[in-house]
C-alpha cells in the first residue's frame, strides 16, 4: 500500500457544494468560491435532477469549476446517458459499486465510503486505487450522510488516495474539520440549505469563507512549528 505524502502547509482545501437544483444556486456557489458542484442523479433523493436538467445546470459553470454527477448503484446505460448530457463531468459513486463498475466508463471518479466504527478505510481506499479521491461520509440507513457528522477519529492519518471530508458539515463546523482532518477537499449539501435542494446563498458564502480561514490557520500553525 502506497500512502500519499502529507499536505503542504499552504494547501488550499477544495470545496464541493452538492445537491444543487436551481440556476441561481449554481451561480451563487460559483460566486462563493466552490471548486465543484454536485448534481444528484439518484431518483430517491429529494435533490434529484434529470440528466437533461443536470446538463442545463452544468452549462452555467465557468472554466475550472467542475460538475460532479452523483450516482447510487446506477446501471451502465444510465451513467452513459448522463455523461452524454454532461460530457465534462466527474463521476461520484455513492453506493455499493464495485471497482470494475467504477472503471467501466474510463472517466475520473470519486468513491464514497460510509464511515462506521470498525470500517477499514485504509483497505477500502486501497481497493479503489484508480479513484481520484475517497469521499468519507457518515453511515446511515440508505445512502447519503443525512446531514450527520461521523467520528473524525475513525479516519487514518494517511490514505492511499486523496480524502474528501463529508457528512454533516456546516459553516460552523467545517473549519474544525479542515484543521483536524486536513482533507484534500470538503463536501457540503444540507449544511448550506434553506430546504432540501434549495441552497442558501449566505450559508454557501459563509461555508467557503470558513474553509479559507481554516486554511490560513493551518498554514500559520505549521509555519510557527518551523520557527
C-alpha atoms as a PDB file:
ATOM      1  CA  UNK A   1       0.000   0.000   0.000  1.00  0.00           C
ATOM      2  CA  UNK A   2       1.408   3.405  -1.012  1.00  0.00           C
ATOM      3  CA  UNK A   3       0.443   6.372   1.142  1.00  0.00           C
ATOM      4  CA  UNK A   4       0.227   9.925  -0.145  1.00  0.00           C
ATOM      5  CA  UNK A   5       2.659  12.422   1.396  1.00  0.00           C
ATOM      6  CA  UNK A   6       1.295  14.921   3.941  1.00  0.00           C
ATOM      7  CA  UNK A   7      -0.375  18.015   2.543  1.00  0.00           C
ATOM      8  CA  UNK A   8       1.861  21.069   2.260  1.00  0.00           C
ATOM      9  CA  UNK A   9       1.372  23.875   4.750  1.00  0.00           C
ATOM     10  CA  UNK A  10      -0.087  26.152   2.074  1.00  0.00           C
ATOM     11  CA  UNK A  11      -2.580  23.582   0.772  1.00  0.00           C
ATOM     12  CA  UNK A  12      -5.850  25.113  -0.419  1.00  0.00           C
ATOM     13  CA  UNK A  13      -8.746  22.886   0.591  1.00  0.00           C
ATOM     14  CA  UNK A  14     -11.032  22.365  -2.382  1.00  0.00           C
ATOM     15  CA  UNK A  15     -14.776  22.873  -1.914  1.00  0.00           C
ATOM     16  CA  UNK A  16     -17.630  20.906  -3.446  1.00  0.00           C
ATOM     17  CA  UNK A  17     -21.221  22.034  -2.927  1.00  0.00           C
ATOM     18  CA  UNK A  18     -23.577  19.172  -3.672  1.00  0.00           C
ATOM     19  CA  UNK A  19     -27.261  18.725  -4.411  1.00  0.00           C
ATOM     20  CA  UNK A  20     -27.881  21.844  -6.494  1.00  0.00           C
ATOM     21  CA  UNK A  21     -31.155  22.068  -8.408  1.00  0.00           C
ATOM     22  CA  UNK A  22     -31.522  25.753  -9.389  1.00  0.00           C
ATOM     23  CA  UNK A  23     -29.640  28.124 -11.676  1.00  0.00           C
ATOM     24  CA  UNK A  24     -29.382  30.813  -9.006  1.00  0.00           C
ATOM     25  CA  UNK A  25     -27.815  28.349  -6.590  1.00  0.00           C
ATOM     26  CA  UNK A  26     -25.225  27.295  -9.159  1.00  0.00           C
ATOM     27  CA  UNK A  27     -24.336  30.940  -9.744  1.00  0.00           C
ATOM     28  CA  UNK A  28     -24.086  31.669  -6.013  1.00  0.00           C
ATOM     29  CA  UNK A  29     -21.962  28.573  -5.382  1.00  0.00           C
ATOM     30  CA  UNK A  30     -19.510  29.751  -8.018  1.00  0.00           C
ATOM     31  CA  UNK A  31     -19.514  33.286  -6.612  1.00  0.00           C
ATOM     32  CA  UNK A  32     -18.877  31.911  -3.118  1.00  0.00           C
ATOM     33  CA  UNK A  33     -15.762  30.103  -4.333  1.00  0.00           C
ATOM     34  CA  UNK A  34     -16.807  26.494  -4.915  1.00  0.00           C
ATOM     35  CA  UNK A  35     -14.392  24.393  -6.952  1.00  0.00           C
ATOM     36  CA  UNK A  36     -17.071  21.859  -7.892  1.00  0.00           C
ATOM     37  CA  UNK A  37     -20.828  21.388  -7.761  1.00  0.00           C
ATOM     38  CA  UNK A  38     -22.605  18.088  -7.256  1.00  0.00           C
ATOM     39  CA  UNK A  39     -25.658  17.093  -9.299  1.00  0.00           C
ATOM     40  CA  UNK A  40     -27.606  14.198  -7.800  1.00  0.00           C
ATOM     41  CA  UNK A  41     -28.895  11.622 -10.294  1.00  0.00           C
ATOM     42  CA  UNK A  42     -30.315   9.267  -7.665  1.00  0.00           C
ATOM     43  CA  UNK A  43     -34.088   9.262  -8.079  1.00  0.00           C
ATOM     44  CA  UNK A  44     -34.834   8.576  -4.412  1.00  0.00           C
ATOM     45  CA  UNK A  45     -33.042  11.751  -3.329  1.00  0.00           C
ATOM     46  CA  UNK A  46     -35.041  14.961  -2.729  1.00  0.00           C
ATOM     47  CA  UNK A  47     -32.208  16.709  -4.579  1.00  0.00           C
ATOM     48  CA  UNK A  48     -32.565  14.551  -7.688  1.00  0.00           C
ATOM     49  CA  UNK A  49     -32.323  16.171 -11.115  1.00  0.00           C
ATOM     50  CA  UNK A  50     -32.835  14.611 -14.532  1.00  0.00           C
ATOM     51  CA  UNK A  51     -29.990  14.109 -16.994  1.00  0.00           C
ATOM     52  CA  UNK A  52     -31.272  16.998 -19.106  1.00  0.00           C
ATOM     53  CA  UNK A  53     -31.546  19.265 -16.069  1.00  0.00           C
ATOM     54  CA  UNK A  54     -28.032  18.336 -14.988  1.00  0.00           C
ATOM     55  CA  UNK A  55     -26.793  19.385 -18.408  1.00  0.00           C
ATOM     56  CA  UNK A  56     -28.575  22.736 -18.167  1.00  0.00           C
ATOM     57  CA  UNK A  57     -27.077  23.476 -14.762  1.00  0.00           C
ATOM     58  CA  UNK A  58     -23.581  22.320 -15.706  1.00  0.00           C
ATOM     59  CA  UNK A  59     -23.504  24.603 -18.736  1.00  0.00           C
ATOM     60  CA  UNK A  60     -23.664  27.615 -16.398  1.00  0.00           C
ATOM     61  CA  UNK A  61     -20.286  26.753 -14.886  1.00  0.00           C
ATOM     62  CA  UNK A  62     -17.231  28.836 -15.792  1.00  0.00           C
ATOM     63  CA  UNK A  63     -13.864  27.228 -16.592  1.00  0.00           C
ATOM     64  CA  UNK A  64     -12.155  25.407 -13.696  1.00  0.00           C
ATOM     65  CA  UNK A  65     -15.374  24.777 -11.767  1.00  0.00           C
ATOM     66  CA  UNK A  66     -16.206  21.102 -12.218  1.00  0.00           C
ATOM     67  CA  UNK A  67     -19.601  19.395 -12.388  1.00  0.00           C
ATOM     68  CA  UNK A  68     -19.781  16.101 -10.470  1.00  0.00           C
ATOM     69  CA  UNK A  69     -22.543  13.600 -11.236  1.00  0.00           C
ATOM     70  CA  UNK A  70     -23.605  11.561  -8.192  1.00  0.00           C
ATOM     71  CA  UNK A  71     -24.903   8.032  -8.779  1.00  0.00           C
ATOM     72  CA  UNK A  72     -26.094   5.338  -6.388  1.00  0.00           C
ATOM     73  CA  UNK A  73     -25.901   1.827  -7.841  1.00  0.00           C
ATOM     74  CA  UNK A  74     -26.882   3.095 -11.296  1.00  0.00           C
ATOM     75  CA  UNK A  75     -26.662   0.794 -14.298  1.00  0.00           C
ATOM     76  CA  UNK A  76     -24.183   1.386 -17.108  1.00  0.00           C
ATOM     77  CA  UNK A  77     -26.705   2.689 -19.707  1.00  0.00           C
ATOM     78  CA  UNK A  78     -27.957   5.333 -17.259  1.00  0.00           C
ATOM     79  CA  UNK A  79     -24.450   6.515 -16.485  1.00  0.00           C
ATOM     80  CA  UNK A  80     -23.545   6.633 -20.178  1.00  0.00           C
ATOM     81  CA  UNK A  81     -26.660   8.705 -20.909  1.00  0.00           C
ATOM     82  CA  UNK A  82     -25.842  11.134 -18.101  1.00  0.00           C
ATOM     83  CA  UNK A  83     -22.282  11.544 -19.352  1.00  0.00           C
ATOM     84  CA  UNK A  84     -23.625  12.426 -22.783  1.00  0.00           C
ATOM     85  CA  UNK A  85     -25.698  15.180 -21.157  1.00  0.00           C
ATOM     86  CA  UNK A  86     -22.738  16.434 -19.070  1.00  0.00           C
ATOM     87  CA  UNK A  87     -19.645  15.358 -21.033  1.00  0.00           C
ATOM     88  CA  UNK A  88     -17.166  17.298 -18.860  1.00  0.00           C
ATOM     89  CA  UNK A  89     -18.349  15.741 -15.589  1.00  0.00           C
ATOM     90  CA  UNK A  90     -16.534  13.756 -12.948  1.00  0.00           C
ATOM     91  CA  UNK A  91     -18.406  10.756 -11.577  1.00  0.00           C
ATOM     92  CA  UNK A  92     -19.184  10.213  -7.905  1.00  0.00           C
ATOM     93  CA  UNK A  93     -20.146   6.648  -6.995  1.00  0.00           C
ATOM     94  CA  UNK A  94     -22.084   6.822  -3.745  1.00  0.00           C
ATOM     95  CA  UNK A  95     -23.466   3.298  -3.460  1.00  0.00           C
ATOM     96  CA  UNK A  96     -22.111  -0.227  -3.374  1.00  0.00           C
ATOM     97  CA  UNK A  97     -20.400  -0.127  -6.763  1.00  0.00           C
ATOM     98  CA  UNK A  98     -17.515  -2.496  -7.467  1.00  0.00           C
ATOM     99  CA  UNK A  99     -14.129  -1.403  -8.712  1.00  0.00           C
ATOM    100  CA  UNK A 100     -14.892  -2.956 -12.105  1.00  0.00           C
ATOM    101  CA  UNK A 101     -18.094  -0.919 -12.394  1.00  0.00           C
ATOM    102  CA  UNK A 102     -16.341   2.319 -11.415  1.00  0.00           C
ATOM    103  CA  UNK A 103     -13.634   1.753 -14.011  1.00  0.00           C
ATOM    104  CA  UNK A 104     -16.023   0.705 -16.768  1.00  0.00           C
ATOM    105  CA  UNK A 105     -16.522   4.262 -18.026  1.00  0.00           C
ATOM    106  CA  UNK A 106     -12.843   5.248 -18.292  1.00  0.00           C
ATOM    107  CA  UNK A 107     -13.580   8.552 -16.574  1.00  0.00           C
ATOM    108  CA  UNK A 108     -12.193  10.223 -13.429  1.00  0.00           C
ATOM    109  CA  UNK A 109     -14.293   9.191 -10.454  1.00  0.00           C
ATOM    110  CA  UNK A 110     -14.754   9.650  -6.712  1.00  0.00           C
ATOM    111  CA  UNK A 111     -15.803   6.760  -4.475  1.00  0.00           C
ATOM    112  CA  UNK A 112     -17.821   7.329  -1.315  1.00  0.00           C
ATOM    113  CA  UNK A 113     -17.067   5.412   1.880  1.00  0.00           C
ATOM    114  CA  UNK A 114     -19.724   5.107   4.584  1.00  0.00           C
ATOM    115  CA  UNK A 115     -17.913   5.571   7.886  1.00  0.00           C
ATOM    116  CA  UNK A 116     -18.895   3.483  10.903  1.00  0.00           C
ATOM    117  CA  UNK A 117     -16.989   2.020  13.867  1.00  0.00           C
ATOM    118  CA  UNK A 118     -14.843  -0.849  12.639  1.00  0.00           C
ATOM    119  CA  UNK A 119     -14.870   0.245   8.997  1.00  0.00           C
ATOM    120  CA  UNK A 120     -11.412  -0.197   7.450  1.00  0.00           C
ATOM    121  CA  UNK A 121     -10.933   2.933   5.328  1.00  0.00           C
ATOM    122  CA  UNK A 122      -7.311   2.065   4.582  1.00  0.00           C
ATOM    123  CA  UNK A 123      -8.329  -1.223   2.989  1.00  0.00           C
ATOM    124  CA  UNK A 124     -11.276   0.436   1.232  1.00  0.00           C
ATOM    125  CA  UNK A 125      -9.076   3.139  -0.319  1.00  0.00           C
ATOM    126  CA  UNK A 126      -6.527   0.577  -1.398  1.00  0.00           C
ATOM    127  CA  UNK A 127      -9.322  -1.330  -3.127  1.00  0.00           C
ATOM    128  CA  UNK A 128     -10.187   1.733  -5.219  1.00  0.00           C
ATOM    129  CA  UNK A 129      -6.670   2.770  -6.182  1.00  0.00           C
ATOM    130  CA  UNK A 130      -7.891   4.204  -9.508  1.00  0.00           C
ATOM    131  CA  UNK A 131     -10.242   6.676  -7.798  1.00  0.00           C
ATOM    132  CA  UNK A 132      -9.264  10.330  -7.905  1.00  0.00           C
ATOM    133  CA  UNK A 133     -10.305  10.577  -4.259  1.00  0.00           C
ATOM    134  CA  UNK A 134     -12.201   8.804  -1.483  1.00  0.00           C
ATOM    135  CA  UNK A 135     -15.177  10.695  -0.043  1.00  0.00           C
ATOM    136  CA  UNK A 136     -15.756   9.863   3.628  1.00  0.00           C
ATOM    137  CA  UNK A 137     -19.419  10.253   4.599  1.00  0.00           C
ATOM    138  CA  UNK A 138     -21.489   9.315   7.631  1.00  0.00           C
ATOM    139  CA  UNK A 139     -23.038   5.850   7.748  1.00  0.00           C
ATOM    140  CA  UNK A 140     -26.834   5.983   7.891  1.00  0.00           C
ATOM    141  CA  UNK A 141     -29.594   3.682   6.682  1.00  0.00           C
ATOM    142  CA  UNK A 142     -29.984   4.234   2.968  1.00  0.00           C
ATOM    143  CA  UNK A 143     -27.437   6.311   1.059  1.00  0.00           C
ATOM    144  CA  UNK A 144     -26.030   9.753   1.763  1.00  0.00           C
ATOM    145  CA  UNK A 145     -24.942  11.150   5.088  1.00  0.00           C
ATOM    146  CA  UNK A 146     -28.353  12.618   6.038  1.00  0.00           C
ATOM    147  CA  UNK A 147     -26.614  15.674   7.457  1.00  0.00           C
ATOM    148  CA  UNK A 148     -24.892  13.624  10.153  1.00  0.00           C
ATOM    149  CA  UNK A 149     -21.318  14.167  11.358  1.00  0.00           C
ATOM    150  CA  UNK A 150     -19.322  10.982  11.868  1.00  0.00           C
ATOM    151  CA  UNK A 151     -16.487  10.480  14.333  1.00  0.00           C
ATOM    152  CA  UNK A 152     -13.470  12.009  12.588  1.00  0.00           C
ATOM    153  CA  UNK A 153     -11.160   9.974  14.809  1.00  0.00           C
ATOM    154  CA  UNK A 154     -12.134   6.982  12.643  1.00  0.00           C
ATOM    155  CA  UNK A 155     -10.085   8.494   9.817  1.00  0.00           C
ATOM    156  CA  UNK A 156      -6.499   7.244   9.475  1.00  0.00           C
ATOM    157  CA  UNK A 157      -3.810   9.956   9.333  1.00  0.00           C
ATOM    158  CA  UNK A 158      -2.833   8.999   5.791  1.00  0.00           C
ATOM    159  CA  UNK A 159      -4.516   7.278   2.873  1.00  0.00           C
ATOM    160  CA  UNK A 160      -3.552   5.841  -0.482  1.00  0.00           C
ATOM    161  CA  UNK A 161      -5.916   8.327  -2.169  1.00  0.00           C
ATOM    162  CA  UNK A 162      -6.814  11.986  -1.505  1.00  0.00           C
ATOM    163  CA  UNK A 163      -9.560  12.370   1.108  1.00  0.00           C
ATOM    164  CA  UNK A 164     -12.767  14.374   0.728  1.00  0.00           C
ATOM    165  CA  UNK A 165     -14.433  15.083   4.082  1.00  0.00           C
ATOM    166  CA  UNK A 166     -18.231  14.987   4.014  1.00  0.00           C
ATOM    167  CA  UNK A 167     -21.097  14.290   6.374  1.00  0.00           C
ATOM    168  CA  UNK A 168     -22.910  16.992   8.334  1.00  0.00           C
ATOM    169  CA  UNK A 169     -20.529  19.831   7.515  1.00  0.00           C
ATOM    170  CA  UNK A 170     -21.808  23.384   8.093  1.00  0.00           C
ATOM    171  CA  UNK A 171     -20.325  26.885   8.143  1.00  0.00           C
ATOM    172  CA  UNK A 172     -19.966  26.432  11.917  1.00  0.00           C
ATOM    173  CA  UNK A 173     -18.002  23.155  11.992  1.00  0.00           C
ATOM    174  CA  UNK A 174     -16.146  22.952   8.687  1.00  0.00           C
ATOM    175  CA  UNK A 175     -13.161  24.949   9.955  1.00  0.00           C
ATOM    176  CA  UNK A 176     -12.650  22.426  12.749  1.00  0.00           C
ATOM    177  CA  UNK A 177     -12.846  19.616  10.208  1.00  0.00           C
ATOM    178  CA  UNK A 178     -10.283  21.236   7.926  1.00  0.00           C
ATOM    179  CA  UNK A 179      -7.836  21.866  10.773  1.00  0.00           C
ATOM    180  CA  UNK A 180      -8.230  18.464  12.427  1.00  0.00           C
ATOM    181  CA  UNK A 181      -8.508  16.218   9.369  1.00  0.00           C
ATOM    182  CA  UNK A 182      -6.531  18.189   6.764  1.00  0.00           C
ATOM    183  CA  UNK A 183      -8.555  16.755   3.864  1.00  0.00           C
ATOM    184  CA  UNK A 184      -7.852  17.397   0.207  1.00  0.00           C
ATOM    185  CA  UNK A 185     -11.400  18.736  -0.125  1.00  0.00           C
ATOM    186  CA  UNK A 186     -14.688  19.168   1.739  1.00  0.00           C
ATOM    187  CA  UNK A 187     -18.187  18.377   0.504  1.00  0.00           C
ATOM    188  CA  UNK A 188     -21.370  20.036   1.774  1.00  0.00           C
ATOM    189  CA  UNK A 189     -25.040  19.715   0.930  1.00  0.00           C
ATOM    190  CA  UNK A 190     -27.654  20.069   3.687  1.00  0.00           C
ATOM    191  CA  UNK A 191     -25.378  22.329   5.727  1.00  0.00           C
ATOM    192  CA  UNK A 192     -25.900  25.193   3.270  1.00  0.00           C
ATOM    193  CA  UNK A 193     -29.600  24.697   2.557  1.00  0.00           C
ATOM    194  CA  UNK A 194     -32.788  26.612   3.292  1.00  0.00           C
ATOM    195  CA  UNK A 195     -34.720  23.454   2.347  1.00  0.00           C
ATOM    196  CA  UNK A 196     -33.821  20.172   0.673  1.00  0.00           C
ATOM    197  CA  UNK A 197     -32.412  21.010  -2.743  1.00  0.00           C
ATOM    198  CA  UNK A 198     -32.728  24.760  -2.127  1.00  0.00           C
ATOM    199  CA  UNK A 199     -29.417  26.374  -1.229  1.00  0.00           C
ATOM    200  CA  UNK A 200     -28.964  29.442   0.946  1.00  0.00           C
ATOM    201  CA  UNK A 201     -26.586  31.914  -0.692  1.00  0.00           C
ATOM    202  CA  UNK A 202     -25.419  33.411   2.611  1.00  0.00           C
ATOM    203  CA  UNK A 203     -24.651  29.978   4.048  1.00  0.00           C
ATOM    204  CA  UNK A 204     -22.666  28.987   0.950  1.00  0.00           C
ATOM    205  CA  UNK A 205     -20.568  32.140   1.248  1.00  0.00           C
ATOM    206  CA  UNK A 206     -20.050  31.580   4.991  1.00  0.00           C
ATOM    207  CA  UNK A 207     -19.034  27.984   4.375  1.00  0.00           C
ATOM    208  CA  UNK A 208     -16.410  28.902   1.780  1.00  0.00           C
ATOM    209  CA  UNK A 209     -15.098  31.734   3.935  1.00  0.00           C
ATOM    210  CA  UNK A 210     -14.757  29.343   6.886  1.00  0.00           C
ATOM    211  CA  UNK A 211     -12.727  26.922   4.765  1.00  0.00           C
ATOM    212  CA  UNK A 212     -10.388  29.667   3.598  1.00  0.00           C
ATOM    213  CA  UNK A 213      -9.956  30.895   7.173  1.00  0.00           C
ATOM    214  CA  UNK A 214      -9.148  27.347   8.316  1.00  0.00           C
ATOM    215  CA  UNK A 215      -6.544  27.020   5.570  1.00  0.00           C
ATOM    216  CA  UNK A 216      -4.862  30.194   6.793  1.00  0.00           C
ATOM    217  CA  UNK A 217      -4.971  28.932  10.373  1.00  0.00           C
ATOM    218  CA  UNK A 218      -3.419  25.592   9.391  1.00  0.00           C
ATOM    219  CA  UNK A 219      -0.666  27.311   7.413  1.00  0.00           C
ATOM    220  CA  UNK A 220       0.132  29.670  10.283  1.00  0.00           C
ATOM    221  CA  UNK A 221       0.237  26.778  12.766  1.00  0.00           C
ATOM    222  CA  UNK A 222       2.607  24.744  10.630  1.00  0.00           C
ATOM    223  CA  UNK A 223       4.771  27.773   9.947  1.00  0.00           C
ATOM    224  CA  UNK A 224       5.051  28.534  13.668  1.00  0.00           C
ATOM    225  CA  UNK A 225       6.298  24.999  14.294  1.00  0.00           C
ATOM    226  CA  UNK A 226       9.140  25.591  11.873  1.00  0.00           C
ATOM    227  CA  UNK A 227      10.313  28.788  13.572  1.00  0.00           C
END
